[in-house]
Amino acid sequence: MANAEGFDYRTRSNGEVAIFHHGKMSKLMRDDEAKAFLKAVEDGDAQQAMADAVGNDGQNSRPGGGPQAPGSSMSGNGSAHTVTEFRRKSI
C-alpha cells in the first residue's frame, strides 16, 4: 500500500487507541491489538500502520461501489424506467 494519508490516532487513558481518517473515527482498538498497533507505529511509518490497521487498500473507493463508468450517476441513465405522460384531471 502506497501513499497512505489522512490518518491520525489518539490514545486514551484506559489503553484504547482510536484511529481517525479525515476526522472520522475508523477503528477503536483495545488490549493486545492496541499494544501491537503502537509498537508498529514506533517501528515504522505511522500512516502505513494506521492504514493497515483500518484495512484501507489505498484505492479511495466508496463503500458499496458507486458509479463505475465516467458520466454515470447514482440514479442511473433512465433505461430501466419508461417515460410516463401525465394528464391534468379536469373537474
PDB file of N, CA and C in Angstrom:
ATOM      1  N   MET A   1       0.829  -1.165   0.000  1.00  0.00           N
ATOM      2  CA  MET A   1       0.000   0.000   0.000  1.00  0.00           C
ATOM      3  C   MET A   1       0.880   1.237   0.000  1.00  0.00           C
ATOM      4  N   ALA A   2       0.690   2.042  -0.963  1.00  0.00           N
ATOM      5  CA  ALA A   2       1.484   3.259  -1.054  1.00  0.00           C
ATOM      6  C   ALA A   2       0.598   4.472  -0.859  1.00  0.00           C
ATOM      7  N   ASN A   3       1.206   5.549  -0.426  1.00  0.00           N
ATOM      8  CA  ASN A   3       0.527   6.841  -0.297  1.00  0.00           C
ATOM      9  C   ASN A   3      -0.625   6.847   0.696  1.00  0.00           C
ATOM     10  N   ALA A   4      -0.475   6.132   1.801  1.00  0.00           N
ATOM     11  CA  ALA A   4      -1.494   6.207   2.852  1.00  0.00           C
ATOM     12  C   ALA A   4      -1.401   7.586   3.488  1.00  0.00           C
ATOM     13  N   GLU A   5      -2.520   8.275   3.598  1.00  0.00           N
ATOM     14  CA  GLU A   5      -2.516   9.608   4.187  1.00  0.00           C
ATOM     15  C   GLU A   5      -3.870   9.921   4.781  1.00  0.00           C
ATOM     16  N   GLY A   6      -3.900  10.965   5.595  1.00  0.00           N
ATOM     17  CA  GLY A   6      -5.149  11.410   6.194  1.00  0.00           C
ATOM     18  C   GLY A   6      -5.498  10.714   7.494  1.00  0.00           C
ATOM     19  N   PHE A   7      -4.583   9.917   8.035  1.00  0.00           N
ATOM     20  CA  PHE A   7      -4.844   9.186   9.267  1.00  0.00           C
ATOM     21  C   PHE A   7      -4.279   9.927  10.464  1.00  0.00           C
ATOM     22  N   ASP A   8      -4.932   9.707  11.610  1.00  0.00           N
ATOM     23  CA  ASP A   8      -4.488  10.249  12.887  1.00  0.00           C
ATOM     24  C   ASP A   8      -4.931   9.252  13.943  1.00  0.00           C
ATOM     25  N   TYR A   9      -4.205   9.185  15.046  1.00  0.00           N
ATOM     26  CA  TYR A   9      -4.650   8.309  16.121  1.00  0.00           C
ATOM     27  C   TYR A   9      -4.512   9.009  17.456  1.00  0.00           C
ATOM     28  N   ARG A  10      -5.332   8.554  18.399  1.00  0.00           N
ATOM     29  CA  ARG A  10      -5.301   9.104  19.746  1.00  0.00           C
ATOM     30  C   ARG A  10      -5.355   7.951  20.735  1.00  0.00           C
ATOM     31  N   THR A  11      -4.550   8.069  21.771  1.00  0.00           N
ATOM     32  CA  THR A  11      -4.584   7.066  22.832  1.00  0.00           C
ATOM     33  C   THR A  11      -5.449   7.589  23.973  1.00  0.00           C
ATOM     34  N   ARG A  12      -6.091   6.674  24.655  1.00  0.00           N
ATOM     35  CA  ARG A  12      -6.943   7.035  25.787  1.00  0.00           C
ATOM     36  C   ARG A  12      -6.293   6.549  27.077  1.00  0.00           C
ATOM     37  N   SER A  13      -6.704   7.105  28.178  1.00  0.00           N
ATOM     38  CA  SER A  13      -6.102   6.762  29.470  1.00  0.00           C
ATOM     39  C   SER A  13      -6.348   5.308  29.870  1.00  0.00           C
ATOM     40  N   ASN A  14      -7.371   4.677  29.312  1.00  0.00           N
ATOM     41  CA  ASN A  14      -7.664   3.282  29.634  1.00  0.00           C
ATOM     42  C   ASN A  14      -6.929   2.302  28.715  1.00  0.00           C
ATOM     43  N   GLY A  15      -6.053   2.806  27.842  1.00  0.00           N
ATOM     44  CA  GLY A  15      -5.260   1.953  26.964  1.00  0.00           C
ATOM     45  C   GLY A  15      -5.831   1.766  25.574  1.00  0.00           C
ATOM     46  N   GLU A  16      -7.013   2.274  25.325  1.00  0.00           N
ATOM     47  CA  GLU A  16      -7.604   2.153  23.994  1.00  0.00           C
ATOM     48  C   GLU A  16      -6.906   3.097  23.020  1.00  0.00           C
ATOM     49  N   VAL A  17      -6.923   2.716  21.751  1.00  0.00           N
ATOM     50  CA  VAL A  17      -6.371   3.551  20.686  1.00  0.00           C
ATOM     51  C   VAL A  17      -7.464   3.735  19.640  1.00  0.00           C
ATOM     52  N   ALA A  18      -7.752   4.983  19.305  1.00  0.00           N
ATOM     53  CA  ALA A  18      -8.752   5.307  18.283  1.00  0.00           C
ATOM     54  C   ALA A  18      -8.032   5.823  17.050  1.00  0.00           C
ATOM     55  N   ILE A  19      -8.340   5.259  15.885  1.00  0.00           N
ATOM     56  CA  ILE A  19      -7.765   5.701  14.621  1.00  0.00           C
ATOM     57  C   ILE A  19      -8.824   6.499  13.876  1.00  0.00           C
ATOM     58  N   PHE A  20      -8.429   7.668  13.397  1.00  0.00           N
ATOM     59  CA  PHE A  20      -9.313   8.544  12.643  1.00  0.00           C
ATOM     60  C   PHE A  20      -8.797   8.688  11.221  1.00  0.00           C
ATOM     61  N   HIS A  21      -9.705   8.762  10.260  1.00  0.00           N
ATOM     62  CA  HIS A  21      -9.339   9.013   8.867  1.00  0.00           C
ATOM     63  C   HIS A  21     -10.124  10.226   8.403  1.00  0.00           C
ATOM     64  N   HIS A  22      -9.413  11.280   8.065  1.00  0.00           N
ATOM     65  CA  HIS A  22     -10.009  12.563   7.683  1.00  0.00           C
ATOM     66  C   HIS A  22     -11.032  13.033   8.712  1.00  0.00           C
ATOM     67  N   GLY A  23     -10.680  12.886   9.998  1.00  0.00           N
ATOM     68  CA  GLY A  23     -11.501  13.400  11.074  1.00  0.00           C
ATOM     69  C   GLY A  23     -12.610  12.486  11.567  1.00  0.00           C
ATOM     70  N   LYS A  24     -12.833  11.351  10.911  1.00  0.00           N
ATOM     71  CA  LYS A  24     -13.889  10.428  11.333  1.00  0.00           C
ATOM     72  C   LYS A  24     -13.249   9.170  11.906  1.00  0.00           C
ATOM     73  N   MET A  25     -13.802   8.696  13.034  1.00  0.00           N
ATOM     74  CA  MET A  25     -13.225   7.513  13.652  1.00  0.00           C
ATOM     75  C   MET A  25     -13.426   6.298  12.760  1.00  0.00           C
ATOM     76  N   SER A  26     -12.323   5.609  12.503  1.00  0.00           N
ATOM     77  CA  SER A  26     -12.361   4.436  11.646  1.00  0.00           C
ATOM     78  C   SER A  26     -12.282   3.140  12.427  1.00  0.00           C
ATOM     79  N   LYS A  27     -11.545   3.172  13.547  1.00  0.00           N
ATOM     80  CA  LYS A  27     -11.363   1.939  14.293  1.00  0.00           C
ATOM     81  C   LYS A  27     -11.000   2.257  15.732  1.00  0.00           C
ATOM     82  N   LEU A  28     -11.479   1.433  16.651  1.00  0.00           N
ATOM     83  CA  LEU A  28     -11.142   1.531  18.058  1.00  0.00           C
ATOM     84  C   LEU A  28     -10.516   0.211  18.462  1.00  0.00           C
ATOM     85  N   MET A  29      -9.308   0.277  19.002  1.00  0.00           N
ATOM     86  CA  MET A  29      -8.587  -0.940  19.389  1.00  0.00           C
ATOM     87  C   MET A  29      -8.392  -0.973  20.894  1.00  0.00           C
ATOM     88  N   ARG A  30      -8.386  -2.194  21.441  1.00  0.00           N
ATOM     89  CA  ARG A  30      -8.189  -2.396  22.880  1.00  0.00           C
ATOM     90  C   ARG A  30      -7.141  -3.490  23.091  1.00  0.00           C
ATOM     91  N   ASP A  31      -6.613  -3.518  24.283  1.00  0.00           N
ATOM     92  CA  ASP A  31      -5.756  -4.587  24.786  1.00  0.00           C
ATOM     93  C   ASP A  31      -4.582  -4.899  23.853  1.00  0.00           C
ATOM     94  N   ASP A  32      -4.434  -6.177  23.479  1.00  0.00           N
ATOM     95  CA  ASP A  32      -3.277  -6.617  22.704  1.00  0.00           C
ATOM     96  C   ASP A  32      -3.222  -5.984  21.318  1.00  0.00           C
ATOM     97  N   GLU A  33      -4.386  -5.791  20.716  1.00  0.00           N
ATOM     98  CA  GLU A  33      -4.423  -5.168  19.390  1.00  0.00           C
ATOM     99  C   GLU A  33      -3.885  -3.736  19.453  1.00  0.00           C
ATOM    100  N   ALA A  34      -4.257  -3.002  20.487  1.00  0.00           N
ATOM    101  CA  ALA A  34      -3.785  -1.628  20.659  1.00  0.00           C
ATOM    102  C   ALA A  34      -2.279  -1.598  20.909  1.00  0.00           C
ATOM    103  N   LYS A  35      -1.797  -2.512  21.739  1.00  0.00           N
ATOM    104  CA  LYS A  35      -0.358  -2.572  22.026  1.00  0.00           C
ATOM    105  C   LYS A  35       0.438  -2.908  20.769  1.00  0.00           C
ATOM    106  N   ALA A  36      -0.056  -3.857  19.977  1.00  0.00           N
ATOM    107  CA  ALA A  36       0.635  -4.231  18.732  1.00  0.00           C
ATOM    108  C   ALA A  36       0.649  -3.063  17.747  1.00  0.00           C
ATOM    109  N   PHE A  37      -0.450  -2.316  17.684  1.00  0.00           N
ATOM    110  CA  PHE A  37      -0.511  -1.163  16.800  1.00  0.00           C
ATOM    111  C   PHE A  37       0.510  -0.102  17.207  1.00  0.00           C
ATOM    112  N   LEU A  38       0.566   0.221  18.499  1.00  0.00           N
ATOM    113  CA  LEU A  38       1.513   1.236  18.972  1.00  0.00           C
ATOM    114  C   LEU A  38       2.954   0.815  18.712  1.00  0.00           C
ATOM    115  N   LYS A  39       3.236  -0.470  18.828  1.00  0.00           N
ATOM    116  CA  LYS A  39       4.577  -0.990  18.518  1.00  0.00           C
ATOM    117  C   LYS A  39       4.878  -0.813  17.029  1.00  0.00           C
ATOM    118  N   ALA A  40       3.890  -1.083  16.167  1.00  0.00           N
ATOM    119  CA  ALA A  40       4.072  -0.925  14.717  1.00  0.00           C
ATOM    120  C   ALA A  40       4.313   0.534  14.353  1.00  0.00           C
ATOM    121  N   VAL A  41       3.651   1.456  15.046  1.00  0.00           N
ATOM    122  CA  VAL A  41       3.845   2.887  14.790  1.00  0.00           C
ATOM    123  C   VAL A  41       5.266   3.307  15.161  1.00  0.00           C
ATOM    124  N   GLU A  42       5.751   2.801  16.292  1.00  0.00           N
ATOM    125  CA  GLU A  42       7.111   3.120  16.728  1.00  0.00           C
ATOM    126  C   GLU A  42       8.163   2.581  15.759  1.00  0.00           C
ATOM    127  N   ASP A  43       7.916   1.405  15.202  1.00  0.00           N
ATOM    128  CA  ASP A  43       8.901   0.733  14.358  1.00  0.00           C
ATOM    129  C   ASP A  43       8.901   1.190  12.902  1.00  0.00           C
ATOM    130  N   GLY A  44       7.848   1.844  12.450  1.00  0.00           N
ATOM    131  CA  GLY A  44       7.789   2.156  11.019  1.00  0.00           C
ATOM    132  C   GLY A  44       6.982   3.390  10.713  1.00  0.00           C
ATOM    133  N   ASP A  45       6.416   3.398   9.508  1.00  0.00           N
ATOM    134  CA  ASP A  45       5.622   4.513   9.001  1.00  0.00           C
ATOM    135  C   ASP A  45       4.265   4.533   9.699  1.00  0.00           C
ATOM    136  N   ALA A  46       3.966   5.608  10.422  1.00  0.00           N
ATOM    137  CA  ALA A  46       2.720   5.698  11.184  1.00  0.00           C
ATOM    138  C   ALA A  46       1.500   5.678  10.269  1.00  0.00           C
ATOM    139  N   GLN A  47       1.548   6.403   9.157  1.00  0.00           N
ATOM    140  CA  GLN A  47       0.403   6.435   8.229  1.00  0.00           C
ATOM    141  C   GLN A  47       0.118   5.036   7.683  1.00  0.00           C
ATOM    142  N   GLN A  48       1.171   4.319   7.342  1.00  0.00           N
ATOM    143  CA  GLN A  48       1.005   2.975   6.797  1.00  0.00           C
ATOM    144  C   GLN A  48       0.469   2.020   7.857  1.00  0.00           C
ATOM    145  N   ALA A  49       0.943   2.143   9.083  1.00  0.00           N
ATOM    146  CA  ALA A  49       0.465   1.293  10.173  1.00  0.00           C
ATOM    147  C   ALA A  49      -1.021   1.521  10.423  1.00  0.00           C
ATOM    148  N   MET A  50      -1.450   2.789  10.356  1.00  0.00           N
ATOM    149  CA  MET A  50      -2.874   3.084  10.552  1.00  0.00           C
ATOM    150  C   MET A  50      -3.705   2.551   9.390  1.00  0.00           C
ATOM    151  N   ALA A  51      -3.212   2.685   8.165  1.00  0.00           N
ATOM    152  CA  ALA A  51      -3.932   2.165   7.001  1.00  0.00           C
ATOM    153  C   ALA A  51      -4.062   0.648   7.094  1.00  0.00           C
ATOM    154  N   ASP A  52      -2.993  -0.020   7.525  1.00  0.00           N
ATOM    155  CA  ASP A  52      -3.047  -1.476   7.682  1.00  0.00           C
ATOM    156  C   ASP A  52      -4.043  -1.887   8.757  1.00  0.00           C
ATOM    157  N   ALA A  53      -4.058  -1.160   9.865  1.00  0.00           N
ATOM    158  CA  ALA A  53      -4.958  -1.496  10.972  1.00  0.00           C
ATOM    159  C   ALA A  53      -6.422  -1.313  10.580  1.00  0.00           C
ATOM    160  N   VAL A  54      -6.697  -0.270   9.802  1.00  0.00           N
ATOM    161  CA  VAL A  54      -8.073   0.020   9.382  1.00  0.00           C
ATOM    162  C   VAL A  54      -8.492  -0.880   8.236  1.00  0.00           C
ATOM    163  N   GLY A  55      -7.535  -1.266   7.398  1.00  0.00           N
ATOM    164  CA  GLY A  55      -7.852  -2.090   6.243  1.00  0.00           C
ATOM    165  C   GLY A  55      -8.005  -1.289   4.977  1.00  0.00           C
ATOM    166  N   ASN A  56      -7.472  -0.075   4.948  1.00  0.00           N
ATOM    167  CA  ASN A  56      -7.525   0.779   3.762  1.00  0.00           C
ATOM    168  C   ASN A  56      -6.586   0.213   2.701  1.00  0.00           C
ATOM    169  N   ASP A  57      -7.122  -0.075   1.517  1.00  0.00           N
ATOM    170  CA  ASP A  57      -6.290  -0.619   0.452  1.00  0.00           C
ATOM    171  C   ASP A  57      -5.695   0.461  -0.437  1.00  0.00           C
ATOM    172  N   GLY A  58      -5.899   1.727  -0.086  1.00  0.00           N
ATOM    173  CA  GLY A  58      -5.290   2.820  -0.827  1.00  0.00           C
ATOM    174  C   GLY A  58      -6.013   3.205  -2.094  1.00  0.00           C
ATOM    175  N   GLN A  59      -7.150   2.605  -2.378  1.00  0.00           N
ATOM    176  CA  GLN A  59      -7.847   2.897  -3.626  1.00  0.00           C
ATOM    177  C   GLN A  59      -8.878   4.003  -3.489  1.00  0.00           C
ATOM    178  N   ASN A  60      -9.136   4.459  -2.260  1.00  0.00           N
ATOM    179  CA  ASN A  60     -10.112   5.526  -2.023  1.00  0.00           C
ATOM    180  C   ASN A  60     -11.457   5.233  -2.671  1.00  0.00           C
ATOM    181  N   SER A  61     -11.897   3.988  -2.598  1.00  0.00           N
ATOM    182  CA  SER A  61     -13.177   3.629  -3.198  1.00  0.00           C
ATOM    183  C   SER A  61     -14.313   3.917  -2.230  1.00  0.00           C
ATOM    184  N   ARG A  62     -15.487   4.129  -2.795  1.00  0.00           N
ATOM    185  CA  ARG A  62     -16.658   4.409  -1.989  1.00  0.00           C
ATOM    186  C   ARG A  62     -17.235   3.103  -1.475  1.00  0.00           C
ATOM    187  N   PRO A  63     -17.766   3.081  -0.240  1.00  0.00           N
ATOM    188  CA  PRO A  63     -18.438   1.885   0.245  1.00  0.00           C
ATOM    189  C   PRO A  63     -19.646   1.583  -0.631  1.00  0.00           C
ATOM    190  N   GLY A  64     -19.807   0.336  -0.993  1.00  0.00           N
ATOM    191  CA  GLY A  64     -20.954  -0.042  -1.797  1.00  0.00           C
ATOM    192  C   GLY A  64     -20.755   0.146  -3.289  1.00  0.00           C
ATOM    193  N   GLY A  65     -19.574   0.511  -3.708  1.00  0.00           N
ATOM    194  CA  GLY A  65     -19.300   0.621  -5.130  1.00  0.00           C
ATOM    195  C   GLY A  65     -19.480   2.007  -5.677  1.00  0.00           C
ATOM    196  N   GLY A  66     -20.696   2.358  -6.040  1.00  0.00           N
ATOM    197  CA  GLY A  66     -20.935   3.651  -6.654  1.00  0.00           C
ATOM    198  C   GLY A  66     -20.819   3.557  -8.153  1.00  0.00           C
ATOM    199  N   PRO A  67     -20.901   4.662  -8.833  1.00  0.00           N
ATOM    200  CA  PRO A  67     -20.836   4.653 -10.292  1.00  0.00           C
ATOM    201  C   PRO A  67     -19.489   4.133 -10.782  1.00  0.00           C
ATOM    202  N   GLN A  68     -19.531   3.356 -11.826  1.00  0.00           N
ATOM    203  CA  GLN A  68     -18.302   2.778 -12.360  1.00  0.00           C
ATOM    204  C   GLN A  68     -17.808   3.513 -13.605  1.00  0.00           C
ATOM    205  N   ALA A  69     -18.717   3.852 -14.496  1.00  0.00           N
ATOM    206  CA  ALA A  69     -18.314   4.457 -15.763  1.00  0.00           C
ATOM    207  C   ALA A  69     -18.322   5.978 -15.652  1.00  0.00           C
ATOM    208  N   PRO A  70     -17.407   6.625 -16.364  1.00  0.00           N
ATOM    209  CA  PRO A  70     -17.434   8.087 -16.355  1.00  0.00           C
ATOM    210  C   PRO A  70     -18.764   8.596 -16.910  1.00  0.00           C
ATOM    211  N   GLY A  71     -19.329   9.589 -16.275  1.00  0.00           N
ATOM    212  CA  GLY A  71     -20.589  10.151 -16.741  1.00  0.00           C
ATOM    213  C   GLY A  71     -21.823   9.474 -16.192  1.00  0.00           C
ATOM    214  N   SER A  72     -21.649   8.330 -15.527  1.00  0.00           N
ATOM    215  CA  SER A  72     -22.827   7.682 -14.959  1.00  0.00           C
ATOM    216  C   SER A  72     -23.165   8.348 -13.637  1.00  0.00           C
ATOM    217  N   SER A  73     -24.409   8.208 -13.222  1.00  0.00           N
ATOM    218  CA  SER A  73     -24.822   8.844 -11.980  1.00  0.00           C
ATOM    219  C   SER A  73     -25.441   7.808 -11.063  1.00  0.00           C
ATOM    220  N   MET A  74     -25.639   8.190  -9.814  1.00  0.00           N
ATOM    221  CA  MET A  74     -26.219   7.271  -8.843  1.00  0.00           C
ATOM    222  C   MET A  74     -27.636   6.881  -9.214  1.00  0.00           C
ATOM    223  N   SER A  75     -28.379   7.750  -9.890  1.00  0.00           N
ATOM    224  CA  SER A  75     -29.763   7.440 -10.224  1.00  0.00           C
ATOM    225  C   SER A  75     -29.890   6.663 -11.524  1.00  0.00           C
ATOM    226  N   GLY A  76     -28.818   6.376 -12.195  1.00  0.00           N
ATOM    227  CA  GLY A  76     -28.854   5.591 -13.416  1.00  0.00           C
ATOM    228  C   GLY A  76     -29.091   6.449 -14.648  1.00  0.00           C
ATOM    229  N   ASN A  77     -29.249   5.795 -15.777  1.00  0.00           N
ATOM    230  CA  ASN A  77     -29.409   6.520 -17.037  1.00  0.00           C
ATOM    231  C   ASN A  77     -30.857   6.557 -17.507  1.00  0.00           C
ATOM    232  N   GLY A  78     -31.788   6.033 -16.725  1.00  0.00           N
ATOM    233  CA  GLY A  78     -33.198   6.089 -17.075  1.00  0.00           C
ATOM    234  C   GLY A  78     -33.671   4.960 -17.955  1.00  0.00           C
ATOM    235  N   SER A  79     -32.806   4.053 -18.344  1.00  0.00           N
ATOM    236  CA  SER A  79     -33.209   2.988 -19.253  1.00  0.00           C
ATOM    237  C   SER A  79     -34.134   1.977 -18.585  1.00  0.00           C
ATOM    238  N   ALA A  80     -34.141   1.899 -17.279  1.00  0.00           N
ATOM    239  CA  ALA A  80     -34.991   0.937 -16.597  1.00  0.00           C
ATOM    240  C   ALA A  80     -36.422   1.436 -16.453  1.00  0.00           C
ATOM    241  N   HIS A  81     -36.651   2.713 -16.645  1.00  0.00           N
ATOM    242  CA  HIS A  81     -37.979   3.287 -16.463  1.00  0.00           C
ATOM    243  C   HIS A  81     -38.409   4.005 -17.733  1.00  0.00           C
ATOM    244  N   THR A  82     -39.642   3.748 -18.133  1.00  0.00           N
ATOM    245  CA  THR A  82     -40.154   4.413 -19.319  1.00  0.00           C
ATOM    246  C   THR A  82     -40.692   5.790 -18.953  1.00  0.00           C
ATOM    247  N   VAL A  83     -40.822   6.637 -19.929  1.00  0.00           N
ATOM    248  CA  VAL A  83     -41.357   7.964 -19.719  1.00  0.00           C
ATOM    249  C   VAL A  83     -42.853   7.849 -19.474  1.00  0.00           C
ATOM    250  N   THR A  84     -43.341   8.515 -18.450  1.00  0.00           N
ATOM    251  CA  THR A  84     -44.766   8.489 -18.116  1.00  0.00           C
ATOM    252  C   THR A  84     -45.357   9.848 -18.437  1.00  0.00           C
ATOM    253  N   GLU A  85     -46.464   9.828 -19.197  1.00  0.00           N
ATOM    254  CA  GLU A  85     -47.143  11.074 -19.513  1.00  0.00           C
ATOM    255  C   GLU A  85     -48.278  11.274 -18.515  1.00  0.00           C
ATOM    256  N   PHE A  86     -48.356  12.463 -17.971  1.00  0.00           N
ATOM    257  CA  PHE A  86     -49.399  12.769 -17.003  1.00  0.00           C
ATOM    258  C   PHE A  86     -50.452  13.665 -17.641  1.00  0.00           C
ATOM    259  N   ARG A  87     -51.706  13.394 -17.300  1.00  0.00           N
ATOM    260  CA  ARG A  87     -52.809  14.228 -17.781  1.00  0.00           C
ATOM    261  C   ARG A  87     -53.325  15.031 -16.624  1.00  0.00           C
ATOM    262  N   ARG A  88     -53.695  16.238 -16.920  1.00  0.00           N
ATOM    263  CA  ARG A  88     -54.344  17.060 -15.898  1.00  0.00           C
ATOM    264  C   ARG A  88     -55.785  16.583 -15.765  1.00  0.00           C
ATOM    265  N   LYS A  89     -56.178  16.336 -14.548  1.00  0.00           N
ATOM    266  CA  LYS A  89     -57.521  15.867 -14.277  1.00  0.00           C
ATOM    267  C   LYS A  89     -58.473  17.062 -14.269  1.00  0.00           C
ATOM    268  N   SER A  90     -59.515  16.986 -15.047  1.00  0.00           N
ATOM    269  CA  SER A  90     -60.472  18.099 -15.072  1.00  0.00           C
ATOM    270  C   SER A  90     -61.564  17.856 -14.031  1.00  0.00           C
ATOM    271  N   ILE A  91     -62.151  18.946 -13.585  1.00  0.00           N
ATOM    272  CA  ILE A  91     -63.196  18.853 -12.551  1.00  0.00           C
ATOM    273  C   ILE A  91     -64.553  18.819 -13.180  1.00  0.00           C
TER     274      ILE A  91
END
